[in-house]
C-alpha atoms as a PDB file:
ATOM      1  CA  UNK A   1      -0.079   0.138   0.239  1.00  0.00           C
ATOM      2  CA  UNK A   2       1.494   3.421  -1.276  1.00  0.00           C
ATOM      3  CA  UNK A   3       2.036   6.555   1.043  1.00  0.00           C
ATOM      4  CA  UNK A   4      -0.330   8.367  -0.884  1.00  0.00           C
ATOM      5  CA  UNK A   5      -3.115   5.858  -0.307  1.00  0.00           C
ATOM      6  CA  UNK A   6      -2.474   5.953   3.204  1.00  0.00           C
ATOM      7  CA  UNK A   7      -2.816   9.759   3.288  1.00  0.00           C
ATOM      8  CA  UNK A   8      -6.098   9.512   0.867  1.00  0.00           C
ATOM      9  CA  UNK A   9      -7.419   6.780   3.150  1.00  0.00           C
ATOM     10  CA  UNK A  10      -6.737   8.746   6.276  1.00  0.00           C
ATOM     11  CA  UNK A  11      -8.326  11.511   4.969  1.00  0.00           C
ATOM     12  CA  UNK A  12     -11.139   9.580   4.277  1.00  0.00           C
ATOM     13  CA  UNK A  13     -11.780   7.952   7.879  1.00  0.00           C
ATOM     14  CA  UNK A  14     -10.558  11.105   9.829  1.00  0.00           C
ATOM     15  CA  UNK A  15     -14.038  11.949  10.323  1.00  0.00           C
ATOM     16  CA  UNK A  16     -14.460   8.995  12.341  1.00  0.00           C
ATOM     17  CA  UNK A  17     -11.374   9.386  14.557  1.00  0.00           C
ATOM     18  CA  UNK A  18     -12.655  12.847  15.630  1.00  0.00           C
ATOM     19  CA  UNK A  19     -16.403  11.967  15.675  1.00  0.00           C
ATOM     20  CA  UNK A  20     -16.649  11.412  19.477  1.00  0.00           C
ATOM     21  CA  UNK A  21     -15.316  14.566  20.466  1.00  0.00           C
ATOM     22  CA  UNK A  22     -17.302  16.525  17.346  1.00  0.00           C
ATOM     23  CA  UNK A  23     -20.666  14.677  18.526  1.00  0.00           C
ATOM     24  CA  UNK A  24     -20.248  15.385  22.068  1.00  0.00           C
ATOM     25  CA  UNK A  25     -19.648  19.332  21.503  1.00  0.00           C
ATOM     26  CA  UNK A  26     -22.403  21.541  23.087  1.00  0.00           C
ATOM     27  CA  UNK A  27     -23.996  18.617  24.864  1.00  0.00           C
ATOM     28  CA  UNK A  28     -25.258  20.197  28.151  1.00  0.00           C
ATOM     29  CA  UNK A  29     -23.860  18.664  31.286  1.00  0.00           C
ATOM     30  CA  UNK A  30     -26.189  17.265  34.086  1.00  0.00           C
ATOM     31  CA  UNK A  31     -25.640  16.248  37.454  1.00  0.00           C
ATOM     32  CA  UNK A  32     -26.961  12.856  37.572  1.00  0.00           C
ATOM     33  CA  UNK A  33     -25.794   9.760  35.526  1.00  0.00           C
ATOM     34  CA  UNK A  34     -28.384   8.707  32.586  1.00  0.00           C
ATOM     35  CA  UNK A  35     -30.593   6.233  33.472  1.00  0.00           C
ATOM     36  CA  UNK A  36     -31.202   5.179  29.913  1.00  0.00           C
ATOM     37  CA  UNK A  37     -28.124   5.090  27.580  1.00  0.00           C
ATOM     38  CA  UNK A  38     -28.015   4.105  24.427  1.00  0.00           C
ATOM     39  CA  UNK A  39     -25.556   3.252  21.674  1.00  0.00           C
ATOM     40  CA  UNK A  40     -26.494   4.458  18.141  1.00  0.00           C
ATOM     41  CA  UNK A  41     -24.111   3.441  15.187  1.00  0.00           C
ATOM     42  CA  UNK A  42     -23.888   4.083  11.793  1.00  0.00           C
ATOM     43  CA  UNK A  43     -22.002   4.026   8.270  1.00  0.00           C
ATOM     44  CA  UNK A  44     -21.475   7.455   7.414  1.00  0.00           C
ATOM     45  CA  UNK A  45     -19.447  10.368   8.008  1.00  0.00           C
ATOM     46  CA  UNK A  46     -20.046  12.723  10.918  1.00  0.00           C
ATOM     47  CA  UNK A  47     -20.882  15.713   8.506  1.00  0.00           C
ATOM     48  CA  UNK A  48     -23.492  13.599   6.698  1.00  0.00           C
ATOM     49  CA  UNK A  49     -27.155  15.276   7.433  1.00  0.00           C
ATOM     50  CA  UNK A  50     -28.191  12.048   9.262  1.00  0.00           C
ATOM     51  CA  UNK A  51     -25.993  12.578  11.826  1.00  0.00           C
ATOM     52  CA  UNK A  52     -26.060  15.968  12.357  1.00  0.00           C
ATOM     53  CA  UNK A  53     -30.047  15.912  12.757  1.00  0.00           C
ATOM     54  CA  UNK A  54     -29.623  12.675  14.836  1.00  0.00           C
ATOM     55  CA  UNK A  55     -27.168  14.611  17.099  1.00  0.00           C
ATOM     56  CA  UNK A  56     -29.820  17.334  17.488  1.00  0.00           C
ATOM     57  CA  UNK A  57     -32.682  15.011  17.978  1.00  0.00           C
ATOM     58  CA  UNK A  58     -30.066  13.362  20.715  1.00  0.00           C
ATOM     59  CA  UNK A  59     -29.436  16.699  22.479  1.00  0.00           C
ATOM     60  CA  UNK A  60     -32.967  17.416  22.202  1.00  0.00           C
ATOM     61  CA  UNK A  61     -33.602  14.031  24.313  1.00  0.00           C
ATOM     62  CA  UNK A  62     -31.109  14.638  26.834  1.00  0.00           C
ATOM     63  CA  UNK A  63     -32.435  18.167  27.631  1.00  0.00           C
ATOM     64  CA  UNK A  64     -35.966  17.317  27.617  1.00  0.00           C
ATOM     65  CA  UNK A  65     -35.475  14.039  29.995  1.00  0.00           C
ATOM     66  CA  UNK A  66     -33.053  16.356  32.202  1.00  0.00           C
ATOM     67  CA  UNK A  67     -30.328  14.030  31.419  1.00  0.00           C
ATOM     68  CA  UNK A  68     -32.373  10.776  32.094  1.00  0.00           C
ATOM     69  CA  UNK A  69     -32.043   9.671  28.477  1.00  0.00           C
ATOM     70  CA  UNK A  70     -28.549   9.795  26.831  1.00  0.00           C
ATOM     71  CA  UNK A  71     -28.058   8.347  23.093  1.00  0.00           C
ATOM     72  CA  UNK A  72     -24.297   8.073  22.197  1.00  0.00           C
ATOM     73  CA  UNK A  73     -23.474   8.460  18.629  1.00  0.00           C
ATOM     74  CA  UNK A  74     -20.919   6.536  16.949  1.00  0.00           C
ATOM     75  CA  UNK A  75     -20.524   7.443  13.342  1.00  0.00           C
ATOM     76  CA  UNK A  76     -18.502   6.411  10.314  1.00  0.00           C
ATOM     77  CA  UNK A  77     -18.526   2.542  10.855  1.00  0.00           C
ATOM     78  CA  UNK A  78     -16.616   3.226  14.246  1.00  0.00           C
ATOM     79  CA  UNK A  79     -18.216   0.061  15.499  1.00  0.00           C
ATOM     80  CA  UNK A  80     -18.081  -2.045  12.118  1.00  0.00           C
ATOM     81  CA  UNK A  81     -19.124  -2.288   8.658  1.00  0.00           C
ATOM     82  CA  UNK A  82     -22.536  -2.693   8.054  1.00  0.00           C
ATOM     83  CA  UNK A  83     -22.657  -6.521   8.265  1.00  0.00           C
ATOM     84  CA  UNK A  84     -21.097  -6.306  11.498  1.00  0.00           C
ATOM     85  CA  UNK A  85     -23.227  -3.676  13.059  1.00  0.00           C
ATOM     86  CA  UNK A  86     -26.462  -5.517  11.836  1.00  0.00           C
ATOM     87  CA  UNK A  87     -25.004  -8.356  14.162  1.00  0.00           C
ATOM     88  CA  UNK A  88     -24.449  -6.042  16.845  1.00  0.00           C
ATOM     89  CA  UNK A  89     -27.786  -4.380  16.879  1.00  0.00           C
ATOM     90  CA  UNK A  90     -29.353  -7.965  16.729  1.00  0.00           C
ATOM     91  CA  UNK A  91     -27.109  -9.109  19.973  1.00  0.00           C
ATOM     92  CA  UNK A  92     -27.961  -6.104  21.653  1.00  0.00           C
ATOM     93  CA  UNK A  93     -24.296  -4.655  21.473  1.00  0.00           C
ATOM     94  CA  UNK A  94     -25.718  -1.366  19.653  1.00  0.00           C
ATOM     95  CA  UNK A  95     -29.286  -0.156  20.399  1.00  0.00           C
ATOM     96  CA  UNK A  96     -29.989   1.963  17.235  1.00  0.00           C
ATOM     97  CA  UNK A  97     -28.775   1.193  13.751  1.00  0.00           C
ATOM     98  CA  UNK A  98     -29.863   2.808  10.654  1.00  0.00           C
ATOM     99  CA  UNK A  99     -29.031   0.396   7.639  1.00  0.00           C
ATOM    100  CA  UNK A 100     -30.446   0.396   3.964  1.00  0.00           C
ATOM    101  CA  UNK A 101     -33.200  -2.162   3.515  1.00  0.00           C
ATOM    102  CA  UNK A 102     -31.343  -3.640   0.777  1.00  0.00           C
ATOM    103  CA  UNK A 103     -28.665  -4.583   3.051  1.00  0.00           C
ATOM    104  CA  UNK A 104     -30.960  -5.574   5.666  1.00  0.00           C
ATOM    105  CA  UNK A 105     -32.574  -7.834   3.219  1.00  0.00           C
ATOM    106  CA  UNK A 106     -29.834 -10.545   3.692  1.00  0.00           C
ATOM    107  CA  UNK A 107     -31.945 -10.989   7.099  1.00  0.00           C
ATOM    108  CA  UNK A 108     -35.591  -9.878   6.012  1.00  0.00           C
ATOM    109  CA  UNK A 109     -35.622 -10.266   2.026  1.00  0.00           C
ATOM    110  CA  UNK A 110     -38.791  -8.476   1.934  1.00  0.00           C
ATOM    111  CA  UNK A 111     -36.551  -4.992   3.272  1.00  0.00           C
ATOM    112  CA  UNK A 112     -35.392  -4.467  -0.188  1.00  0.00           C
ATOM    113  CA  UNK A 113     -38.487  -4.311  -2.028  1.00  0.00           C
ATOM    114  CA  UNK A 114     -37.992  -0.395  -2.739  1.00  0.00           C
ATOM    115  CA  UNK A 115     -34.543  -0.777  -4.355  1.00  0.00           C
ATOM    116  CA  UNK A 116     -36.215  -2.727  -7.299  1.00  0.00           C
ATOM    117  CA  UNK A 117     -34.847  -0.697 -10.171  1.00  0.00           C
ATOM    118  CA  UNK A 118     -36.760   1.948 -11.605  1.00  0.00           C
ATOM    119  CA  UNK A 119     -39.690   1.701  -9.021  1.00  0.00           C
ATOM    120  CA  UNK A 120     -40.226   5.297  -7.842  1.00  0.00           C
ATOM    121  CA  UNK A 121     -39.954   8.244 -10.492  1.00  0.00           C
ATOM    122  CA  UNK A 122     -39.685  10.933  -8.012  1.00  0.00           C
ATOM    123  CA  UNK A 123     -39.911  11.706  -4.038  1.00  0.00           C
ATOM    124  CA  UNK A 124     -43.853  12.118  -4.069  1.00  0.00           C
ATOM    125  CA  UNK A 125     -44.185   8.471  -4.953  1.00  0.00           C
ATOM    126  CA  UNK A 126     -41.200   7.428  -2.773  1.00  0.00           C
ATOM    127  CA  UNK A 127     -42.708   8.984   0.801  1.00  0.00           C
ATOM    128  CA  UNK A 128     -45.926   8.010  -0.191  1.00  0.00           C
ATOM    129  CA  UNK A 129     -45.194   4.554  -0.539  1.00  0.00           C
ATOM    130  CA  UNK A 130     -42.607   4.324   2.311  1.00  0.00           C
ATOM    131  CA  UNK A 131     -44.743   5.981   4.716  1.00  0.00           C
ATOM    132  CA  UNK A 132     -47.968   4.276   3.857  1.00  0.00           C
ATOM    133  CA  UNK A 133     -49.013   0.833   3.012  1.00  0.00           C
ATOM    134  CA  UNK A 134     -45.663  -0.644   1.633  1.00  0.00           C
ATOM    135  CA  UNK A 135     -43.674   0.654   4.323  1.00  0.00           C
ATOM    136  CA  UNK A 136     -46.104  -0.786   7.279  1.00  0.00           C
ATOM    137  CA  UNK A 137     -45.711  -4.045   5.462  1.00  0.00           C
ATOM    138  CA  UNK A 138     -41.877  -4.124   5.456  1.00  0.00           C
ATOM    139  CA  UNK A 139     -41.950  -2.948   9.448  1.00  0.00           C
ATOM    140  CA  UNK A 140     -44.158  -5.805  10.095  1.00  0.00           C
ATOM    141  CA  UNK A 141     -41.700  -8.441   8.178  1.00  0.00           C
ATOM    142  CA  UNK A 142     -38.869  -6.465  10.331  1.00  0.00           C
ATOM    143  CA  UNK A 143     -40.636  -7.046  13.602  1.00  0.00           C
ATOM    144  CA  UNK A 144     -40.482 -10.657  12.925  1.00  0.00           C
ATOM    145  CA  UNK A 145     -36.546 -10.640  13.305  1.00  0.00           C
ATOM    146  CA  UNK A 146     -36.852  -9.303  16.816  1.00  0.00           C
ATOM    147  CA  UNK A 147     -35.848  -5.882  15.318  1.00  0.00           C
ATOM    148  CA  UNK A 148     -38.038  -2.845  16.263  1.00  0.00           C
ATOM    149  CA  UNK A 149     -38.090   0.096  13.421  1.00  0.00           C
ATOM    150  CA  UNK A 150     -39.015   3.218  13.663  1.00  0.00           C
ATOM    151  CA  UNK A 151     -42.227   4.853  11.596  1.00  0.00           C
ATOM    152  CA  UNK A 152     -40.416   6.831   9.068  1.00  0.00           C
ATOM    153  CA  UNK A 153     -37.174   5.726   6.979  1.00  0.00           C
ATOM    154  CA  UNK A 154     -34.252   7.989   6.505  1.00  0.00           C
ATOM    155  CA  UNK A 155     -33.749   9.286   3.111  1.00  0.00           C
ATOM    156  CA  UNK A 156     -30.295   8.236   1.267  1.00  0.00           C
ATOM    157  CA  UNK A 157     -31.462   9.370  -2.073  1.00  0.00           C
ATOM    158  CA  UNK A 158     -31.586   8.141  -5.922  1.00  0.00           C
ATOM    159  CA  UNK A 159     -28.676   6.550  -6.679  1.00  0.00           C
ATOM    160  CA  UNK A 160     -26.000   7.402  -9.749  1.00  0.00           C
ATOM    161  CA  UNK A 161     -23.145   5.456 -11.375  1.00  0.00           C
ATOM    162  CA  UNK A 162     -19.700   7.007 -11.219  1.00  0.00           C
ATOM    163  CA  UNK A 163     -16.624   5.522 -12.908  1.00  0.00           C
ATOM    164  CA  UNK A 164     -12.943   6.068 -13.068  1.00  0.00           C
ATOM    165  CA  UNK A 165     -13.038   5.063 -16.743  1.00  0.00           C
ATOM    166  CA  UNK A 166     -15.755   5.943 -18.645  1.00  0.00           C
ATOM    167  CA  UNK A 167     -19.238   7.586 -18.888  1.00  0.00           C
ATOM    168  CA  UNK A 168     -22.091   4.993 -18.655  1.00  0.00           C
ATOM    169  CA  UNK A 169     -24.611   6.024 -21.644  1.00  0.00           C
ATOM    170  CA  UNK A 170     -26.536   2.925 -21.779  1.00  0.00           C
ATOM    171  CA  UNK A 171     -26.628  -0.478 -20.800  1.00  0.00           C
ATOM    172  CA  UNK A 172     -24.380  -1.766 -23.232  1.00  0.00           C
ATOM    173  CA  UNK A 173     -21.592   0.528 -21.351  1.00  0.00           C
ATOM    174  CA  UNK A 174     -21.956  -1.569 -18.546  1.00  0.00           C
ATOM    175  CA  UNK A 175     -20.944  -4.948 -20.118  1.00  0.00           C
ATOM    176  CA  UNK A 176     -18.147  -6.362 -18.141  1.00  0.00           C
ATOM    177  CA  UNK A 177     -17.820  -3.284 -16.067  1.00  0.00           C
ATOM    178  CA  UNK A 178     -16.221  -4.057 -12.670  1.00  0.00           C
ATOM    179  CA  UNK A 179     -18.670  -2.177 -10.034  1.00  0.00           C
ATOM    180  CA  UNK A 180     -18.862  -2.095  -6.330  1.00  0.00           C
ATOM    181  CA  UNK A 181     -22.155  -2.803  -4.879  1.00  0.00           C
ATOM    182  CA  UNK A 182     -23.317  -3.094  -0.890  1.00  0.00           C
ATOM    183  CA  UNK A 183     -23.587  -6.663   0.157  1.00  0.00           C
ATOM    184  CA  UNK A 184     -27.290  -7.150  -0.914  1.00  0.00           C
ATOM    185  CA  UNK A 185     -28.666  -9.838  -3.253  1.00  0.00           C
ATOM    186  CA  UNK A 186     -30.810  -7.446  -5.176  1.00  0.00           C
ATOM    187  CA  UNK A 187     -28.081  -5.027  -6.099  1.00  0.00           C
ATOM    188  CA  UNK A 188     -26.005  -7.792  -7.181  1.00  0.00           C
ATOM    189  CA  UNK A 189     -28.754  -9.447  -9.187  1.00  0.00           C
ATOM    190  CA  UNK A 190     -29.659  -5.899 -10.850  1.00  0.00           C
ATOM    191  CA  UNK A 191     -26.236  -5.451 -11.851  1.00  0.00           C
ATOM    192  CA  UNK A 192     -25.505  -9.033 -13.209  1.00  0.00           C
ATOM    193  CA  UNK A 193     -28.659  -8.351 -15.049  1.00  0.00           C
ATOM    194  CA  UNK A 194     -27.137  -5.434 -16.645  1.00  0.00           C
ATOM    195  CA  UNK A 195     -24.175  -7.397 -17.950  1.00  0.00           C
ATOM    196  CA  UNK A 196     -21.625  -6.044 -15.336  1.00  0.00           C
ATOM    197  CA  UNK A 197     -19.363  -7.616 -12.688  1.00  0.00           C
ATOM    198  CA  UNK A 198     -20.968  -6.878  -9.279  1.00  0.00           C
ATOM    199  CA  UNK A 199     -18.839  -6.921  -6.205  1.00  0.00           C
ATOM    200  CA  UNK A 200     -20.005  -6.533  -2.719  1.00  0.00           C
ATOM    201  CA  UNK A 201     -18.114  -4.667  -0.469  1.00  0.00           C
ATOM    202  CA  UNK A 202     -19.042  -2.742   2.718  1.00  0.00           C
ATOM    203  CA  UNK A 203     -19.020   0.973   2.375  1.00  0.00           C
ATOM    204  CA  UNK A 204     -16.192   1.362   4.772  1.00  0.00           C
ATOM    205  CA  UNK A 205     -14.064  -0.179   2.297  1.00  0.00           C
ATOM    206  CA  UNK A 206     -15.290   1.696  -1.012  1.00  0.00           C
ATOM    207  CA  UNK A 207     -12.639   4.298  -0.756  1.00  0.00           C
ATOM    208  CA  UNK A 208      -9.763   2.229  -1.165  1.00  0.00           C
ATOM    209  CA  UNK A 209     -11.326  -0.616  -3.272  1.00  0.00           C
ATOM    210  CA  UNK A 210     -11.699   2.619  -6.085  1.00  0.00           C
ATOM    211  CA  UNK A 211      -8.235   3.908  -5.538  1.00  0.00           C
ATOM    212  CA  UNK A 212      -6.492   0.531  -6.018  1.00  0.00           C
ATOM    213  CA  UNK A 213      -8.947  -0.431  -8.930  1.00  0.00           C
ATOM    214  CA  UNK A 214     -10.542  -3.549  -7.395  1.00  0.00           C
ATOM    215  CA  UNK A 215     -13.323  -1.929  -8.908  1.00  0.00           C
ATOM    216  CA  UNK A 216     -13.902   0.512 -11.634  1.00  0.00           C
ATOM    217  CA  UNK A 217     -16.908   2.369 -10.321  1.00  0.00           C
ATOM    218  CA  UNK A 218     -19.681   2.431  -7.805  1.00  0.00           C
ATOM    219  CA  UNK A 219     -23.345   3.818  -7.544  1.00  0.00           C
ATOM    220  CA  UNK A 220     -24.436   6.271  -4.804  1.00  0.00           C
ATOM    221  CA  UNK A 221     -26.693   9.530  -4.279  1.00  0.00           C
ATOM    222  CA  UNK A 222     -24.482  12.603  -4.850  1.00  0.00           C
ATOM    223  CA  UNK A 223     -24.508  13.405  -1.257  1.00  0.00           C
ATOM    224  CA  UNK A 224     -22.596  10.154  -0.541  1.00  0.00           C
ATOM    225  CA  UNK A 225     -20.294  10.830  -3.542  1.00  0.00           C
ATOM    226  CA  UNK A 226     -19.474  14.678  -2.043  1.00  0.00           C
ATOM    227  CA  UNK A 227     -19.066  13.561   1.566  1.00  0.00           C
ATOM    228  CA  UNK A 228     -17.169  10.550   1.297  1.00  0.00           C
ATOM    229  CA  UNK A 229     -14.881  12.551  -1.080  1.00  0.00           C
ATOM    230  CA  UNK A 230     -15.305   9.609  -3.822  1.00  0.00           C
ATOM    231  CA  UNK A 231     -14.717  12.468  -6.583  1.00  0.00           C
ATOM    232  CA  UNK A 232     -10.897  12.109  -5.550  1.00  0.00           C
ATOM    233  CA  UNK A 233     -11.037   8.436  -6.821  1.00  0.00           C
ATOM    234  CA  UNK A 234     -13.710   8.963  -9.691  1.00  0.00           C
ATOM    235  CA  UNK A 235     -14.213  11.084 -12.661  1.00  0.00           C
ATOM    236  CA  UNK A 236     -17.429  10.503 -14.229  1.00  0.00           C
ATOM    237  CA  UNK A 237     -21.124  10.920 -13.140  1.00  0.00           C
ATOM    238  CA  UNK A 238     -23.786   9.301 -14.872  1.00  0.00           C
ATOM    239  CA  UNK A 239     -27.328  10.336 -13.553  1.00  0.00           C
ATOM    240  CA  UNK A 240     -29.027   7.172 -14.008  1.00  0.00           C
ATOM    241  CA  UNK A 241     -31.340   7.431 -10.640  1.00  0.00           C
ATOM    242  CA  UNK A 242     -31.727   3.450 -11.236  1.00  0.00           C
ATOM    243  CA  UNK A 243     -33.067   3.022  -7.312  1.00  0.00           C
ATOM    244  CA  UNK A 244     -34.102   4.959  -4.461  1.00  0.00           C
ATOM    245  CA  UNK A 245     -32.611   3.904  -1.467  1.00  0.00           C
ATOM    246  CA  UNK A 246     -33.143   4.924   2.359  1.00  0.00           C
ATOM    247  CA  UNK A 247     -32.225   3.560   5.686  1.00  0.00           C
ATOM    248  CA  UNK A 248     -34.472   1.917   8.084  1.00  0.00           C
ATOM    249  CA  UNK A 249     -33.433   3.175  11.808  1.00  0.00           C
ATOM    250  CA  UNK A 250     -33.380  -0.321  13.704  1.00  0.00           C
ATOM    251  CA  UNK A 251     -33.578  -1.136  17.273  1.00  0.00           C
ATOM    252  CA  UNK A 252     -32.929  -4.108  19.442  1.00  0.00           C
ATOM    253  CA  UNK A 253     -36.148  -5.769  19.573  1.00  0.00           C
ATOM    254  CA  UNK A 254     -35.650  -6.897  23.500  1.00  0.00           C
ATOM    255  CA  UNK A 255     -34.024  -3.215  24.509  1.00  0.00           C
ATOM    256  CA  UNK A 256     -37.060  -1.398  22.967  1.00  0.00           C
ATOM    257  CA  UNK A 257     -39.726  -3.659  24.152  1.00  0.00           C
ATOM    258  CA  UNK A 258     -38.282  -3.194  27.737  1.00  0.00           C
ATOM    259  CA  UNK A 259     -37.533   0.448  27.339  1.00  0.00           C
ATOM    260  CA  UNK A 260     -40.342   2.717  29.550  1.00  0.00           C
ATOM    261  CA  UNK A 261     -43.369   4.262  27.579  1.00  0.00           C
ATOM    262  CA  UNK A 262     -42.385   7.555  28.109  1.00  0.00           C
ATOM    263  CA  UNK A 263     -38.981   6.827  26.891  1.00  0.00           C
ATOM    264  CA  UNK A 264     -40.145   5.331  23.605  1.00  0.00           C
ATOM    265  CA  UNK A 265     -42.560   8.466  23.318  1.00  0.00           C
ATOM    266  CA  UNK A 266     -39.634  11.020  23.620  1.00  0.00           C
ATOM    267  CA  UNK A 267     -37.505   9.281  21.396  1.00  0.00           C
ATOM    268  CA  UNK A 268     -40.214   8.596  18.911  1.00  0.00           C
ATOM    269  CA  UNK A 269     -40.906  12.390  18.808  1.00  0.00           C
ATOM    270  CA  UNK A 270     -37.580  13.776  18.544  1.00  0.00           C
ATOM    271  CA  UNK A 271     -36.353  10.888  16.224  1.00  0.00           C
ATOM    272  CA  UNK A 272     -39.683  11.323  13.836  1.00  0.00           C
ATOM    273  CA  UNK A 273     -38.818  15.192  13.819  1.00  0.00           C
ATOM    274  CA  UNK A 274     -34.792  14.589  12.886  1.00  0.00           C
ATOM    275  CA  UNK A 275     -36.257  12.154   9.711  1.00  0.00           C
ATOM    276  CA  UNK A 276     -38.223  14.534   8.240  1.00  0.00           C
ATOM    277  CA  UNK A 277     -35.600  17.278   8.726  1.00  0.00           C
ATOM    278  CA  UNK A 278     -32.989  14.879   7.163  1.00  0.00           C
ATOM    279  CA  UNK A 279     -35.221  14.277   4.146  1.00  0.00           C
ATOM    280  CA  UNK A 280     -35.381  17.480   3.323  1.00  0.00           C
ATOM    281  CA  UNK A 281     -31.760  17.998   3.859  1.00  0.00           C
ATOM    282  CA  UNK A 282     -30.808  15.344   1.344  1.00  0.00           C
ATOM    283  CA  UNK A 283     -33.020  16.683  -1.027  1.00  0.00           C
ATOM    284  CA  UNK A 284     -31.816  19.804  -1.172  1.00  0.00           C
ATOM    285  CA  UNK A 285     -28.338  18.647  -0.947  1.00  0.00           C
ATOM    286  CA  UNK A 286     -28.643  16.509  -3.706  1.00  0.00           C
ATOM    287  CA  UNK A 287     -30.266  19.301  -6.064  1.00  0.00           C
ATOM    288  CA  UNK A 288     -27.087  21.495  -5.197  1.00  0.00           C
ATOM    289  CA  UNK A 289     -24.424  18.925  -5.338  1.00  0.00           C
ATOM    290  CA  UNK A 290     -23.991  18.624  -9.588  1.00  0.00           C
ATOM    291  CA  UNK A 291     -22.136  22.166  -9.869  1.00  0.00           C
ATOM    292  CA  UNK A 292     -20.152  21.352  -6.510  1.00  0.00           C
ATOM    293  CA  UNK A 293     -18.733  18.195  -7.901  1.00  0.00           C
ATOM    294  CA  UNK A 294     -18.501  19.587 -11.556  1.00  0.00           C
ATOM    295  CA  UNK A 295     -16.335  21.856  -9.831  1.00  0.00           C
ATOM    296  CA  UNK A 296     -14.292  19.094  -8.433  1.00  0.00           C
ATOM    297  CA  UNK A 297     -13.452  17.910 -11.608  1.00  0.00           C
ATOM    298  CA  UNK A 298     -16.397  15.218 -12.226  1.00  0.00           C
ATOM    299  CA  UNK A 299     -17.912  14.967 -15.795  1.00  0.00           C
ATOM    300  CA  UNK A 300     -21.872  14.435 -15.758  1.00  0.00           C
ATOM    301  CA  UNK A 301     -24.132  12.844 -18.261  1.00  0.00           C
ATOM    302  CA  UNK A 302     -27.927  12.094 -18.182  1.00  0.00           C
ATOM    303  CA  UNK A 303     -28.516   8.347 -19.906  1.00  0.00           C
ATOM    304  CA  UNK A 304     -32.063   7.660 -20.572  1.00  0.00           C
ATOM    305  CA  UNK A 305     -33.331   4.925 -18.439  1.00  0.00           C
ATOM    306  CA  UNK A 306     -34.944   2.865 -21.113  1.00  0.00           C
ATOM    307  CA  UNK A 307     -32.128   0.860 -22.285  1.00  0.00           C
ATOM    308  CA  UNK A 308     -31.337  -0.021 -18.725  1.00  0.00           C
ATOM    309  CA  UNK A 309     -35.168  -1.130 -18.271  1.00  0.00           C
ATOM    310  CA  UNK A 310     -35.240  -3.050 -21.366  1.00  0.00           C
ATOM    311  CA  UNK A 311     -31.844  -4.982 -20.498  1.00  0.00           C
ATOM    312  CA  UNK A 312     -33.498  -5.730 -17.149  1.00  0.00           C
ATOM    313  CA  UNK A 313     -36.602  -7.000 -18.648  1.00  0.00           C
ATOM    314  CA  UNK A 314     -34.840  -9.118 -21.060  1.00  0.00           C
ATOM    315  CA  UNK A 315     -32.915 -10.513 -18.234  1.00  0.00           C
ATOM    316  CA  UNK A 316     -35.846 -11.497 -16.370  1.00  0.00           C
ATOM    317  CA  UNK A 317     -34.734  -9.165 -13.286  1.00  0.00           C
ATOM    318  CA  UNK A 318     -38.292  -8.232 -12.799  1.00  0.00           C
ATOM    319  CA  UNK A 319     -39.963 -11.480 -12.920  1.00  0.00           C
ATOM    320  CA  UNK A 320     -37.178 -13.135 -10.729  1.00  0.00           C
ATOM    321  CA  UNK A 321     -38.011 -10.610  -7.922  1.00  0.00           C
ATOM    322  CA  UNK A 322     -41.630 -10.891  -8.018  1.00  0.00           C
ATOM    323  CA  UNK A 323     -40.988 -14.349  -7.313  1.00  0.00           C
ATOM    324  CA  UNK A 324     -38.565 -13.729  -4.465  1.00  0.00           C
ATOM    325  CA  UNK A 325     -41.169 -10.966  -3.019  1.00  0.00           C
ATOM    326  CA  UNK A 326     -44.320 -12.381  -3.895  1.00  0.00           C
ATOM    327  CA  UNK A 327     -47.438 -11.066  -5.303  1.00  0.00           C
ATOM    328  CA  UNK A 328     -48.735  -9.548  -2.007  1.00  0.00           C
ATOM    329  CA  UNK A 329     -45.636  -7.642  -1.195  1.00  0.00           C
ATOM    330  CA  UNK A 330     -45.642  -6.504  -5.461  1.00  0.00           C
ATOM    331  CA  UNK A 331     -48.922  -5.536  -5.200  1.00  0.00           C
ATOM    332  CA  UNK A 332     -48.134  -3.474  -2.461  1.00  0.00           C
ATOM    333  CA  UNK A 333     -45.204  -1.572  -4.570  1.00  0.00           C
ATOM    334  CA  UNK A 334     -46.811  -1.500  -7.735  1.00  0.00           C
ATOM    335  CA  UNK A 335     -49.792   0.747  -6.229  1.00  0.00           C
ATOM    336  CA  UNK A 336     -47.210   3.557  -5.926  1.00  0.00           C
ATOM    337  CA  UNK A 337     -44.632   2.244  -9.158  1.00  0.00           C
ATOM    338  CA  UNK A 338     -47.160   1.187 -11.934  1.00  0.00           C
ATOM    339  CA  UNK A 339     -46.461  -1.881 -13.355  1.00  0.00           C
ATOM    340  CA  UNK A 340     -42.620  -3.570 -13.203  1.00  0.00           C
ATOM    341  CA  UNK A 341     -42.119  -5.940 -15.773  1.00  0.00           C
END
């Protein structure tokens, strides 16, 4: 591993090393120790809107409870990668953990349904579905594995493909293309159907995988591309918008069930408000980031989605996942998305 690689990687993770200090700045000091202390862990840098808004919620909860309830935040993979933290929230080592439904899919198959390619045309459709019948259906499935999920899902945004080698103008450009995908069956299936060579890599390792050319590209919303400094190791952004992704806020089921009702209500109130603010932050951030990323040297293009949808249909992608999710779940999705064939 080269010195420049070490330097770049250090820059990428330095937010995590400093995060404890940053997260605790300005927190009110109370005389007594907290009666209820919770660990909240995630995979994103401390400067991401999710962490900023959840820190605000944690501060408000601490203040309103006069120090009785303390939520400690561990951002930027401090407590491990996604798959490791999912194990920890199940065992109770972590109390709260926001996770993409498509990664949760390895445990709760239905949780990946929102990631079916080109299911949502815009945010109105997303929130109608995820705050409505589809979201309720998914949360019921999550509860069956002894995890509690909060009513509202965090926004991660519509995902776009970045590459170090060439713009992606059509599905043909993905033939044999080495792309990083999260560790998720649906993501892997989708990019295989598009003819590329997907590799499942936890987000904590994405920067180094791109820098060392283990993969040529990856896909994420613009906010993640900016905050994780992927522009340092990627050149092209193809605005495919191929899927919308969000993060369910998961809680250890046993710990949540044993939490007093008044504490649950306090946490629900402030976390719910934080999620709505975070959604607005992400929407604004993604809208404004194109010019910023162009200023960092990235080159944008806007492919037509038709070639991707055609390739997925011909490969049997929608048919395969209809079989896996089942007719009832697909009917709940298609109520919002329209027919996916």
